[in-house]
Amino acid sequence: MPVIHCRTYIHAPIHICFDLARDVEAHVQSTAGTRERAVGGVTSGLMKKGDTVTWEAVHFGIRQRLTAQITAMNPPYEFTDIMIKGAFHSFTHHHQFLQSGNGTVMEDTFQYKSPLGLLGKMADRLFLERYMRAFIAGRAQELKSMAERKGTG
């Protein structure tokens, strides 16, 4: 089962980083490349423990839907969301925030299992893990830019 770790230093207060990471509109903005939008559950504002959201996006040229739920939250330090319906067999995304000097370290740990057994494992090795790593890192960089603008503004 692939596990992706992404660590990003953000020159902004921890509460700003935490709130942006669970903000539906910020998520949409940070994933503009896949035309992601919230189409069910919580579709705007800050998500909290127990909330679900259904995302619609285009990955690999295919429009897909995925429903995730926030299963744990310890503001402003961490929260976890899991897929409850979607293309993966399963995934867990843990978001952690650590105060570091005048800023925050945001750590994403994304663990997933592809569908289709052996075919899914082959897809992981050939392209999916690399794609997901770039997707998580790209989103982190967008959140960093938003937080640093907000934190100094």
N, C-alpha and C. Protein backbone atom coordinates (compact mmCIF):
# COMPACT_ATOMS: atom_id res chain seq x y z
N MET A 1 0.85 -1.18 0.00
CA MET A 1 0.00 0.00 0.00
C MET A 1 0.89 1.24 0.00
N PRO A 2 0.83 2.07 -1.05
CA PRO A 2 1.67 3.27 -1.09
C PRO A 2 1.35 4.26 0.03
N VAL A 3 2.40 4.89 0.55
CA VAL A 3 2.26 5.95 1.55
C VAL A 3 3.07 7.14 1.04
N ILE A 4 2.41 8.27 0.93
CA ILE A 4 3.05 9.49 0.44
C ILE A 4 3.18 10.47 1.59
N HIS A 5 4.40 10.96 1.81
CA HIS A 5 4.66 11.96 2.84
C HIS A 5 5.06 13.26 2.14
N CYS A 6 4.48 14.35 2.59
CA CYS A 6 4.82 15.66 2.04
C CYS A 6 4.93 16.63 3.22
N ARG A 7 6.08 17.27 3.34
CA ARG A 7 6.35 18.20 4.45
C ARG A 7 6.61 19.57 3.83
N THR A 8 5.84 20.59 4.28
CA THR A 8 5.92 21.93 3.70
C THR A 8 6.05 22.96 4.82
N TYR A 9 7.08 23.79 4.74
CA TYR A 9 7.21 24.90 5.69
C TYR A 9 6.41 26.09 5.15
N ILE A 10 5.59 26.67 6.03
CA ILE A 10 4.74 27.80 5.65
C ILE A 10 5.02 28.95 6.61
N HIS A 11 5.34 30.10 6.06
CA HIS A 11 5.60 31.27 6.90
C HIS A 11 4.25 31.95 7.22
N ALA A 12 3.47 31.28 8.09
CA ALA A 12 2.16 31.78 8.51
C ALA A 12 1.80 31.07 9.82
N PRO A 13 0.93 31.69 10.61
CA PRO A 13 0.52 31.07 11.88
C PRO A 13 -0.21 29.74 11.67
N ILE A 14 -0.08 28.88 12.66
CA ILE A 14 -0.63 27.53 12.58
C ILE A 14 -2.14 27.53 12.34
N HIS A 15 -2.88 28.43 12.98
CA HIS A 15 -4.34 28.42 12.84
C HIS A 15 -4.77 28.77 11.41
N ILE A 16 -4.02 29.62 10.74
CA ILE A 16 -4.34 29.96 9.34
C ILE A 16 -4.12 28.74 8.45
N CYS A 17 -3.01 28.05 8.65
CA CYS A 17 -2.71 26.85 7.85
C CYS A 17 -3.75 25.76 8.09
N PHE A 18 -4.09 25.52 9.34
CA PHE A 18 -5.07 24.50 9.69
C PHE A 18 -6.42 24.80 9.04
N ASP A 19 -6.86 26.05 9.16
CA ASP A 19 -8.17 26.41 8.60
C ASP A 19 -8.18 26.34 7.08
N LEU A 20 -7.12 26.77 6.42
CA LEU A 20 -7.08 26.68 4.96
C LEU A 20 -7.13 25.22 4.48
N ALA A 21 -6.48 24.33 5.20
CA ALA A 21 -6.43 22.93 4.79
C ALA A 21 -7.80 22.25 4.88
N ARG A 22 -8.71 22.79 5.69
CA ARG A 22 -10.04 22.18 5.82
C ARG A 22 -11.14 23.07 5.24
N ASP A 23 -10.75 24.11 4.51
CA ASP A 23 -11.68 25.03 3.88
C ASP A 23 -12.05 24.54 2.49
N VAL A 24 -13.33 24.35 2.22
CA VAL A 24 -13.78 23.81 0.94
C VAL A 24 -13.37 24.71 -0.22
N GLU A 25 -13.56 26.02 -0.09
CA GLU A 25 -13.21 26.93 -1.18
C GLU A 25 -11.70 26.93 -1.44
N ALA A 26 -10.89 26.86 -0.38
CA ALA A 26 -9.43 26.79 -0.55
C ALA A 26 -9.04 25.48 -1.24
N HIS A 27 -9.74 24.40 -0.92
CA HIS A 27 -9.47 23.12 -1.58
C HIS A 27 -9.74 23.24 -3.08
N VAL A 28 -10.87 23.83 -3.43
CA VAL A 28 -11.21 24.01 -4.84
C VAL A 28 -10.14 24.84 -5.54
N GLN A 29 -9.72 25.93 -4.91
CA GLN A 29 -8.69 26.79 -5.50
C GLN A 29 -7.36 26.06 -5.64
N SER A 30 -7.00 25.24 -4.64
CA SER A 30 -5.71 24.57 -4.65
C SER A 30 -5.66 23.37 -5.59
N THR A 31 -6.81 22.97 -6.14
CA THR A 31 -6.86 21.83 -7.06
C THR A 31 -7.46 22.25 -8.41
N ALA A 32 -7.26 23.50 -8.78
CA ALA A 32 -7.85 24.05 -10.01
C ALA A 32 -7.44 23.24 -11.24
N GLY A 33 -6.27 22.66 -11.23
CA GLY A 33 -5.78 21.90 -12.37
C GLY A 33 -6.63 20.68 -12.71
N THR A 34 -7.37 20.17 -11.72
CA THR A 34 -8.23 19.01 -11.96
C THR A 34 -9.71 19.41 -11.97
N ARG A 35 -9.96 20.73 -11.97
CA ARG A 35 -11.33 21.26 -12.00
C ARG A 35 -12.19 20.68 -10.88
N GLU A 36 -11.58 20.52 -9.71
CA GLU A 36 -12.26 19.94 -8.56
C GLU A 36 -13.31 20.90 -8.03
N ARG A 37 -14.46 20.33 -7.65
CA ARG A 37 -15.52 21.13 -7.04
C ARG A 37 -16.31 20.25 -6.08
N ALA A 38 -16.88 20.88 -5.06
CA ALA A 38 -17.69 20.17 -4.07
C ALA A 38 -19.11 20.08 -4.61
N VAL A 39 -19.64 18.86 -4.70
CA VAL A 39 -20.98 18.66 -5.28
C VAL A 39 -21.95 18.00 -4.31
N GLY A 40 -21.49 17.66 -3.11
CA GLY A 40 -22.37 17.04 -2.12
C GLY A 40 -21.79 17.16 -0.74
N GLY A 41 -22.64 16.98 0.28
CA GLY A 41 -22.20 17.14 1.66
C GLY A 41 -21.89 18.60 1.93
N VAL A 42 -20.80 18.87 2.62
CA VAL A 42 -20.38 20.24 2.90
C VAL A 42 -19.79 20.81 1.62
N THR A 43 -20.38 21.87 1.10
CA THR A 43 -19.91 22.44 -0.17
C THR A 43 -19.30 23.82 -0.03
N SER A 44 -19.21 24.32 1.20
CA SER A 44 -18.54 25.60 1.44
C SER A 44 -18.14 25.69 2.91
N GLY A 45 -17.20 26.59 3.19
CA GLY A 45 -16.79 26.84 4.57
C GLY A 45 -15.80 25.83 5.11
N LEU A 46 -15.65 25.86 6.43
CA LEU A 46 -14.68 25.01 7.13
C LEU A 46 -15.32 23.68 7.52
N MET A 47 -14.64 22.61 7.21
CA MET A 47 -15.13 21.28 7.58
C MET A 47 -14.76 20.97 9.03
N LYS A 48 -15.59 20.18 9.68
CA LYS A 48 -15.34 19.76 11.06
C LYS A 48 -15.49 18.25 11.17
N LYS A 49 -15.14 17.70 12.31
CA LYS A 49 -15.21 16.25 12.51
C LYS A 49 -16.62 15.75 12.20
N GLY A 50 -16.69 14.67 11.43
CA GLY A 50 -17.95 14.05 11.06
C GLY A 50 -18.50 14.52 9.72
N ASP A 51 -18.02 15.67 9.23
CA ASP A 51 -18.50 16.19 7.94
C ASP A 51 -18.05 15.31 6.80
N THR A 52 -18.88 15.26 5.76
CA THR A 52 -18.51 14.60 4.51
C THR A 52 -18.60 15.61 3.38
N VAL A 53 -17.84 15.34 2.34
CA VAL A 53 -17.88 16.16 1.13
C VAL A 53 -17.71 15.22 -0.06
N THR A 54 -18.46 15.48 -1.11
CA THR A 54 -18.27 14.74 -2.35
C THR A 54 -17.61 15.68 -3.34
N TRP A 55 -16.43 15.27 -3.80
CA TRP A 55 -15.66 16.04 -4.77
C TRP A 55 -15.88 15.47 -6.16
N GLU A 56 -15.99 16.35 -7.12
CA GLU A 56 -16.00 15.94 -8.53
C GLU A 56 -14.78 16.59 -9.17
N ALA A 57 -14.01 15.80 -9.91
CA ALA A 57 -12.79 16.29 -10.52
C ALA A 57 -12.48 15.48 -11.77
N VAL A 58 -11.55 15.98 -12.55
CA VAL A 58 -11.11 15.27 -13.75
C VAL A 58 -9.66 14.81 -13.52
N HIS A 59 -9.50 13.49 -13.49
CA HIS A 59 -8.16 12.87 -13.36
C HIS A 59 -8.00 11.92 -14.54
N PHE A 60 -6.86 12.00 -15.21
CA PHE A 60 -6.56 11.15 -16.36
C PHE A 60 -7.63 11.30 -17.45
N GLY A 61 -8.19 12.51 -17.56
CA GLY A 61 -9.20 12.79 -18.58
C GLY A 61 -10.58 12.24 -18.28
N ILE A 62 -10.77 11.70 -17.09
CA ILE A 62 -12.05 11.08 -16.71
C ILE A 62 -12.66 11.84 -15.54
N ARG A 63 -13.93 12.25 -15.69
CA ARG A 63 -14.64 12.90 -14.58
C ARG A 63 -14.96 11.84 -13.53
N GLN A 64 -14.57 12.14 -12.28
CA GLN A 64 -14.74 11.19 -11.19
C GLN A 64 -15.35 11.86 -9.98
N ARG A 65 -15.99 11.08 -9.16
CA ARG A 65 -16.52 11.56 -7.87
C ARG A 65 -15.92 10.74 -6.75
N LEU A 66 -15.68 11.43 -5.64
CA LEU A 66 -15.09 10.80 -4.46
C LEU A 66 -15.72 11.45 -3.24
N THR A 67 -16.17 10.65 -2.30
CA THR A 67 -16.73 11.17 -1.05
C THR A 67 -15.76 10.86 0.08
N ALA A 68 -15.43 11.90 0.84
CA ALA A 68 -14.51 11.76 1.98
C ALA A 68 -15.20 12.27 3.24
N GLN A 69 -14.75 11.74 4.37
CA GLN A 69 -15.29 12.15 5.67
C GLN A 69 -14.14 12.49 6.61
N ILE A 70 -14.33 13.58 7.37
CA ILE A 70 -13.37 13.94 8.42
C ILE A 70 -13.67 13.03 9.62
N THR A 71 -12.72 12.18 9.97
CA THR A 71 -12.96 11.19 11.04
C THR A 71 -12.29 11.56 12.36
N ALA A 72 -11.33 12.47 12.33
CA ALA A 72 -10.64 12.88 13.55
C ALA A 72 -10.19 14.33 13.38
N MET A 73 -10.22 15.08 14.48
CA MET A 73 -9.78 16.47 14.41
C MET A 73 -9.31 16.93 15.79
N ASN A 74 -8.15 17.57 15.80
CA ASN A 74 -7.57 18.15 17.01
C ASN A 74 -7.04 19.54 16.63
N PRO A 75 -7.94 20.55 16.61
CA PRO A 75 -7.53 21.90 16.16
C PRO A 75 -6.47 22.51 17.06
N PRO A 76 -5.53 23.25 16.54
CA PRO A 76 -5.19 23.44 15.13
C PRO A 76 -4.04 22.53 14.69
N TYR A 77 -3.96 21.35 15.29
CA TYR A 77 -2.79 20.50 15.10
C TYR A 77 -2.93 19.37 14.08
N GLU A 78 -4.13 18.83 13.92
CA GLU A 78 -4.26 17.72 13.00
C GLU A 78 -5.72 17.40 12.70
N PHE A 79 -5.91 16.78 11.54
CA PHE A 79 -7.19 16.15 11.23
C PHE A 79 -6.94 15.06 10.20
N THR A 80 -7.89 14.14 10.13
CA THR A 80 -7.79 13.00 9.23
C THR A 80 -9.07 12.88 8.43
N ASP A 81 -8.92 12.64 7.13
CA ASP A 81 -10.08 12.32 6.31
C ASP A 81 -9.85 10.99 5.62
N ILE A 82 -10.96 10.28 5.41
CA ILE A 82 -10.90 8.98 4.73
C ILE A 82 -11.89 8.98 3.58
N MET A 83 -11.60 8.19 2.57
CA MET A 83 -12.53 8.02 1.47
C MET A 83 -13.60 7.04 1.92
N ILE A 84 -14.87 7.41 1.71
CA ILE A 84 -15.95 6.47 2.00
C ILE A 84 -16.62 5.97 0.72
N LYS A 85 -16.34 6.64 -0.40
CA LYS A 85 -16.84 6.19 -1.70
C LYS A 85 -15.98 6.83 -2.77
N GLY A 86 -15.54 6.03 -3.76
CA GLY A 86 -14.74 6.61 -4.82
C GLY A 86 -13.93 5.56 -5.56
N ALA A 87 -13.00 6.04 -6.38
CA ALA A 87 -12.24 5.18 -7.29
C ALA A 87 -11.20 4.32 -6.58
N PHE A 88 -10.67 4.78 -5.46
CA PHE A 88 -9.69 3.98 -4.73
C PHE A 88 -10.40 2.85 -4.00
N HIS A 89 -9.66 1.81 -3.67
CA HIS A 89 -10.19 0.79 -2.77
C HIS A 89 -10.37 1.44 -1.40
N SER A 90 -9.37 2.26 -0.99
CA SER A 90 -9.44 3.02 0.26
C SER A 90 -8.35 4.08 0.26
N PHE A 91 -8.54 5.11 1.09
CA PHE A 91 -7.44 6.03 1.40
C PHE A 91 -7.69 6.71 2.73
N THR A 92 -6.57 7.07 3.35
CA THR A 92 -6.57 7.86 4.58
C THR A 92 -5.58 9.00 4.36
N HIS A 93 -6.03 10.22 4.65
CA HIS A 93 -5.17 11.40 4.50
C HIS A 93 -5.09 12.09 5.86
N HIS A 94 -3.91 12.04 6.47
CA HIS A 94 -3.67 12.67 7.77
C HIS A 94 -2.95 13.99 7.52
N HIS A 95 -3.51 15.06 8.06
CA HIS A 95 -2.95 16.41 7.94
C HIS A 95 -2.46 16.81 9.33
N GLN A 96 -1.18 17.17 9.44
CA GLN A 96 -0.62 17.56 10.73
C GLN A 96 0.05 18.92 10.60
N PHE A 97 -0.06 19.73 11.65
CA PHE A 97 0.47 21.09 11.66
C PHE A 97 1.30 21.27 12.92
N LEU A 98 2.55 21.72 12.75
CA LEU A 98 3.47 21.89 13.86
C LEU A 98 4.00 23.31 13.85
N GLN A 99 3.92 23.99 14.99
CA GLN A 99 4.49 25.33 15.10
C GLN A 99 6.00 25.22 14.96
N SER A 100 6.59 26.08 14.14
CA SER A 100 8.03 26.05 13.92
C SER A 100 8.53 27.48 13.77
N GLY A 101 9.14 28.00 14.81
CA GLY A 101 9.62 29.38 14.77
C GLY A 101 8.47 30.33 14.49
N ASN A 102 8.62 31.16 13.44
CA ASN A 102 7.57 32.11 13.07
C ASN A 102 6.58 31.53 12.06
N GLY A 103 6.62 30.24 11.88
CA GLY A 103 5.75 29.63 10.88
C GLY A 103 5.21 28.29 11.31
N THR A 104 4.82 27.51 10.33
CA THR A 104 4.16 26.23 10.55
C THR A 104 4.73 25.20 9.58
N VAL A 105 4.92 23.99 10.07
CA VAL A 105 5.24 22.87 9.21
C VAL A 105 3.94 22.09 9.00
N MET A 106 3.56 21.97 7.74
CA MET A 106 2.38 21.18 7.39
C MET A 106 2.86 19.84 6.85
N GLU A 107 2.40 18.77 7.47
CA GLU A 107 2.78 17.43 7.05
C GLU A 107 1.55 16.67 6.57
N ASP A 108 1.60 16.22 5.33
CA ASP A 108 0.55 15.38 4.77
C ASP A 108 1.07 13.95 4.73
N THR A 109 0.26 13.02 5.20
CA THR A 109 0.55 11.60 5.04
C THR A 109 -0.67 10.99 4.36
N PHE A 110 -0.48 10.54 3.14
CA PHE A 110 -1.57 10.02 2.32
C PHE A 110 -1.29 8.56 2.04
N GLN A 111 -2.14 7.69 2.56
CA GLN A 111 -1.98 6.25 2.38
C GLN A 111 -3.19 5.76 1.60
N TYR A 112 -2.95 5.03 0.53
CA TYR A 112 -4.06 4.56 -0.29
C TYR A 112 -3.85 3.14 -0.76
N LYS A 113 -4.96 2.53 -1.14
CA LYS A 113 -4.92 1.21 -1.76
C LYS A 113 -5.71 1.31 -3.06
N SER A 114 -5.07 0.93 -4.14
CA SER A 114 -5.71 0.98 -5.45
C SER A 114 -6.71 -0.16 -5.59
N PRO A 115 -7.72 0.05 -6.44
CA PRO A 115 -8.63 -1.05 -6.72
C PRO A 115 -7.99 -2.03 -7.71
N LEU A 116 -8.66 -3.08 -8.02
CA LEU A 116 -8.30 -4.02 -9.09
C LEU A 116 -7.09 -4.90 -8.79
N GLY A 117 -6.79 -5.12 -7.52
CA GLY A 117 -5.76 -6.08 -7.14
C GLY A 117 -4.42 -5.87 -7.84
N LEU A 118 -3.98 -6.88 -8.57
CA LEU A 118 -2.68 -6.85 -9.23
C LEU A 118 -2.59 -5.73 -10.27
N LEU A 119 -3.67 -5.49 -11.01
CA LEU A 119 -3.67 -4.39 -11.98
C LEU A 119 -3.47 -3.04 -11.27
N GLY A 120 -4.11 -2.88 -10.12
CA GLY A 120 -3.94 -1.65 -9.34
C GLY A 120 -2.52 -1.47 -8.86
N LYS A 121 -1.89 -2.56 -8.43
CA LYS A 121 -0.49 -2.50 -7.99
C LYS A 121 0.43 -2.12 -9.15
N MET A 122 0.12 -2.65 -10.32
CA MET A 122 0.92 -2.30 -11.50
C MET A 122 0.73 -0.81 -11.84
N ALA A 123 -0.51 -0.33 -11.75
CA ALA A 123 -0.78 1.09 -12.02
C ALA A 123 -0.02 1.96 -11.03
N ASP A 124 0.03 1.55 -9.75
CA ASP A 124 0.80 2.31 -8.75
C ASP A 124 2.24 2.47 -9.20
N ARG A 125 2.86 1.37 -9.59
CA ARG A 125 4.28 1.39 -9.98
C ARG A 125 4.51 2.18 -11.26
N LEU A 126 3.59 2.06 -12.20
CA LEU A 126 3.80 2.69 -13.50
C LEU A 126 3.52 4.19 -13.49
N PHE A 127 2.46 4.63 -12.79
CA PHE A 127 2.12 6.05 -12.86
C PHE A 127 1.32 6.60 -11.70
N LEU A 128 0.49 5.82 -11.02
CA LEU A 128 -0.45 6.39 -10.06
C LEU A 128 0.24 6.98 -8.83
N GLU A 129 1.22 6.29 -8.26
CA GLU A 129 1.90 6.82 -7.08
C GLU A 129 2.61 8.14 -7.40
N ARG A 130 3.25 8.20 -8.55
CA ARG A 130 3.93 9.44 -8.97
C ARG A 130 2.91 10.57 -9.16
N TYR A 131 1.77 10.24 -9.78
CA TYR A 131 0.71 11.23 -9.99
C TYR A 131 0.17 11.75 -8.66
N MET A 132 -0.10 10.84 -7.72
CA MET A 132 -0.64 11.24 -6.42
C MET A 132 0.38 12.06 -5.62
N ARG A 133 1.64 11.69 -5.72
CA ARG A 133 2.71 12.44 -5.04
C ARG A 133 2.73 13.88 -5.57
N ALA A 134 2.66 14.06 -6.88
CA ALA A 134 2.67 15.39 -7.48
C ALA A 134 1.39 16.16 -7.12
N PHE A 135 0.26 15.47 -7.08
CA PHE A 135 -1.01 16.11 -6.72
C PHE A 135 -0.98 16.64 -5.29
N ILE A 136 -0.53 15.82 -4.35
CA ILE A 136 -0.44 16.22 -2.92
C ILE A 136 0.55 17.37 -2.76
N ALA A 137 1.71 17.28 -3.38
CA ALA A 137 2.73 18.32 -3.27
C ALA A 137 2.26 19.62 -3.92
N GLY A 138 1.60 19.53 -5.06
CA GLY A 138 1.08 20.73 -5.73
C GLY A 138 0.03 21.43 -4.89
N ARG A 139 -0.85 20.65 -4.29
CA ARG A 139 -1.88 21.23 -3.42
C ARG A 139 -1.22 21.90 -2.20
N ALA A 140 -0.21 21.26 -1.64
CA ALA A 140 0.50 21.83 -0.49
C ALA A 140 1.13 23.17 -0.86
N GLN A 141 1.72 23.27 -2.04
CA GLN A 141 2.33 24.53 -2.47
C GLN A 141 1.28 25.63 -2.66
N GLU A 142 0.13 25.28 -3.18
CA GLU A 142 -0.96 26.25 -3.31
C GLU A 142 -1.45 26.73 -1.95
N LEU A 143 -1.62 25.80 -1.01
CA LEU A 143 -2.03 26.19 0.35
C LEU A 143 -0.97 27.06 1.01
N LYS A 144 0.29 26.75 0.78
CA LYS A 144 1.39 27.57 1.30
C LYS A 144 1.27 29.00 0.79
N SER A 145 1.06 29.16 -0.51
CA SER A 145 0.93 30.51 -1.10
C SER A 145 -0.26 31.25 -0.50
N MET A 146 -1.40 30.57 -0.37
CA MET A 146 -2.59 31.21 0.21
C MET A 146 -2.34 31.61 1.65
N ALA A 147 -1.75 30.72 2.44
CA ALA A 147 -1.52 30.99 3.85
C ALA A 147 -0.53 32.14 4.04
N GLU A 148 0.52 32.16 3.24
CA GLU A 148 1.52 33.22 3.38
C GLU A 148 0.96 34.57 2.98
N ARG A 149 0.09 34.61 1.97
CA ARG A 149 -0.59 35.87 1.61
C ARG A 149 -1.51 36.32 2.76
N LYS A 150 -2.24 35.38 3.31
CA LYS A 150 -3.20 35.68 4.37
C LYS A 150 -2.48 36.05 5.67
N GLY A 151 -1.38 35.35 5.94
CA GLY A 151 -0.64 35.55 7.19
C GLY A 151 0.10 36.86 7.25
N THR A 152 0.39 37.46 6.10
CA THR A 152 1.12 38.72 6.09
C THR A 152 0.21 39.87 5.71
N GLY A 153 -1.04 39.56 5.38
CA GLY A 153 -1.96 40.60 4.90
C GLY A 153 -2.78 41.23 5.92
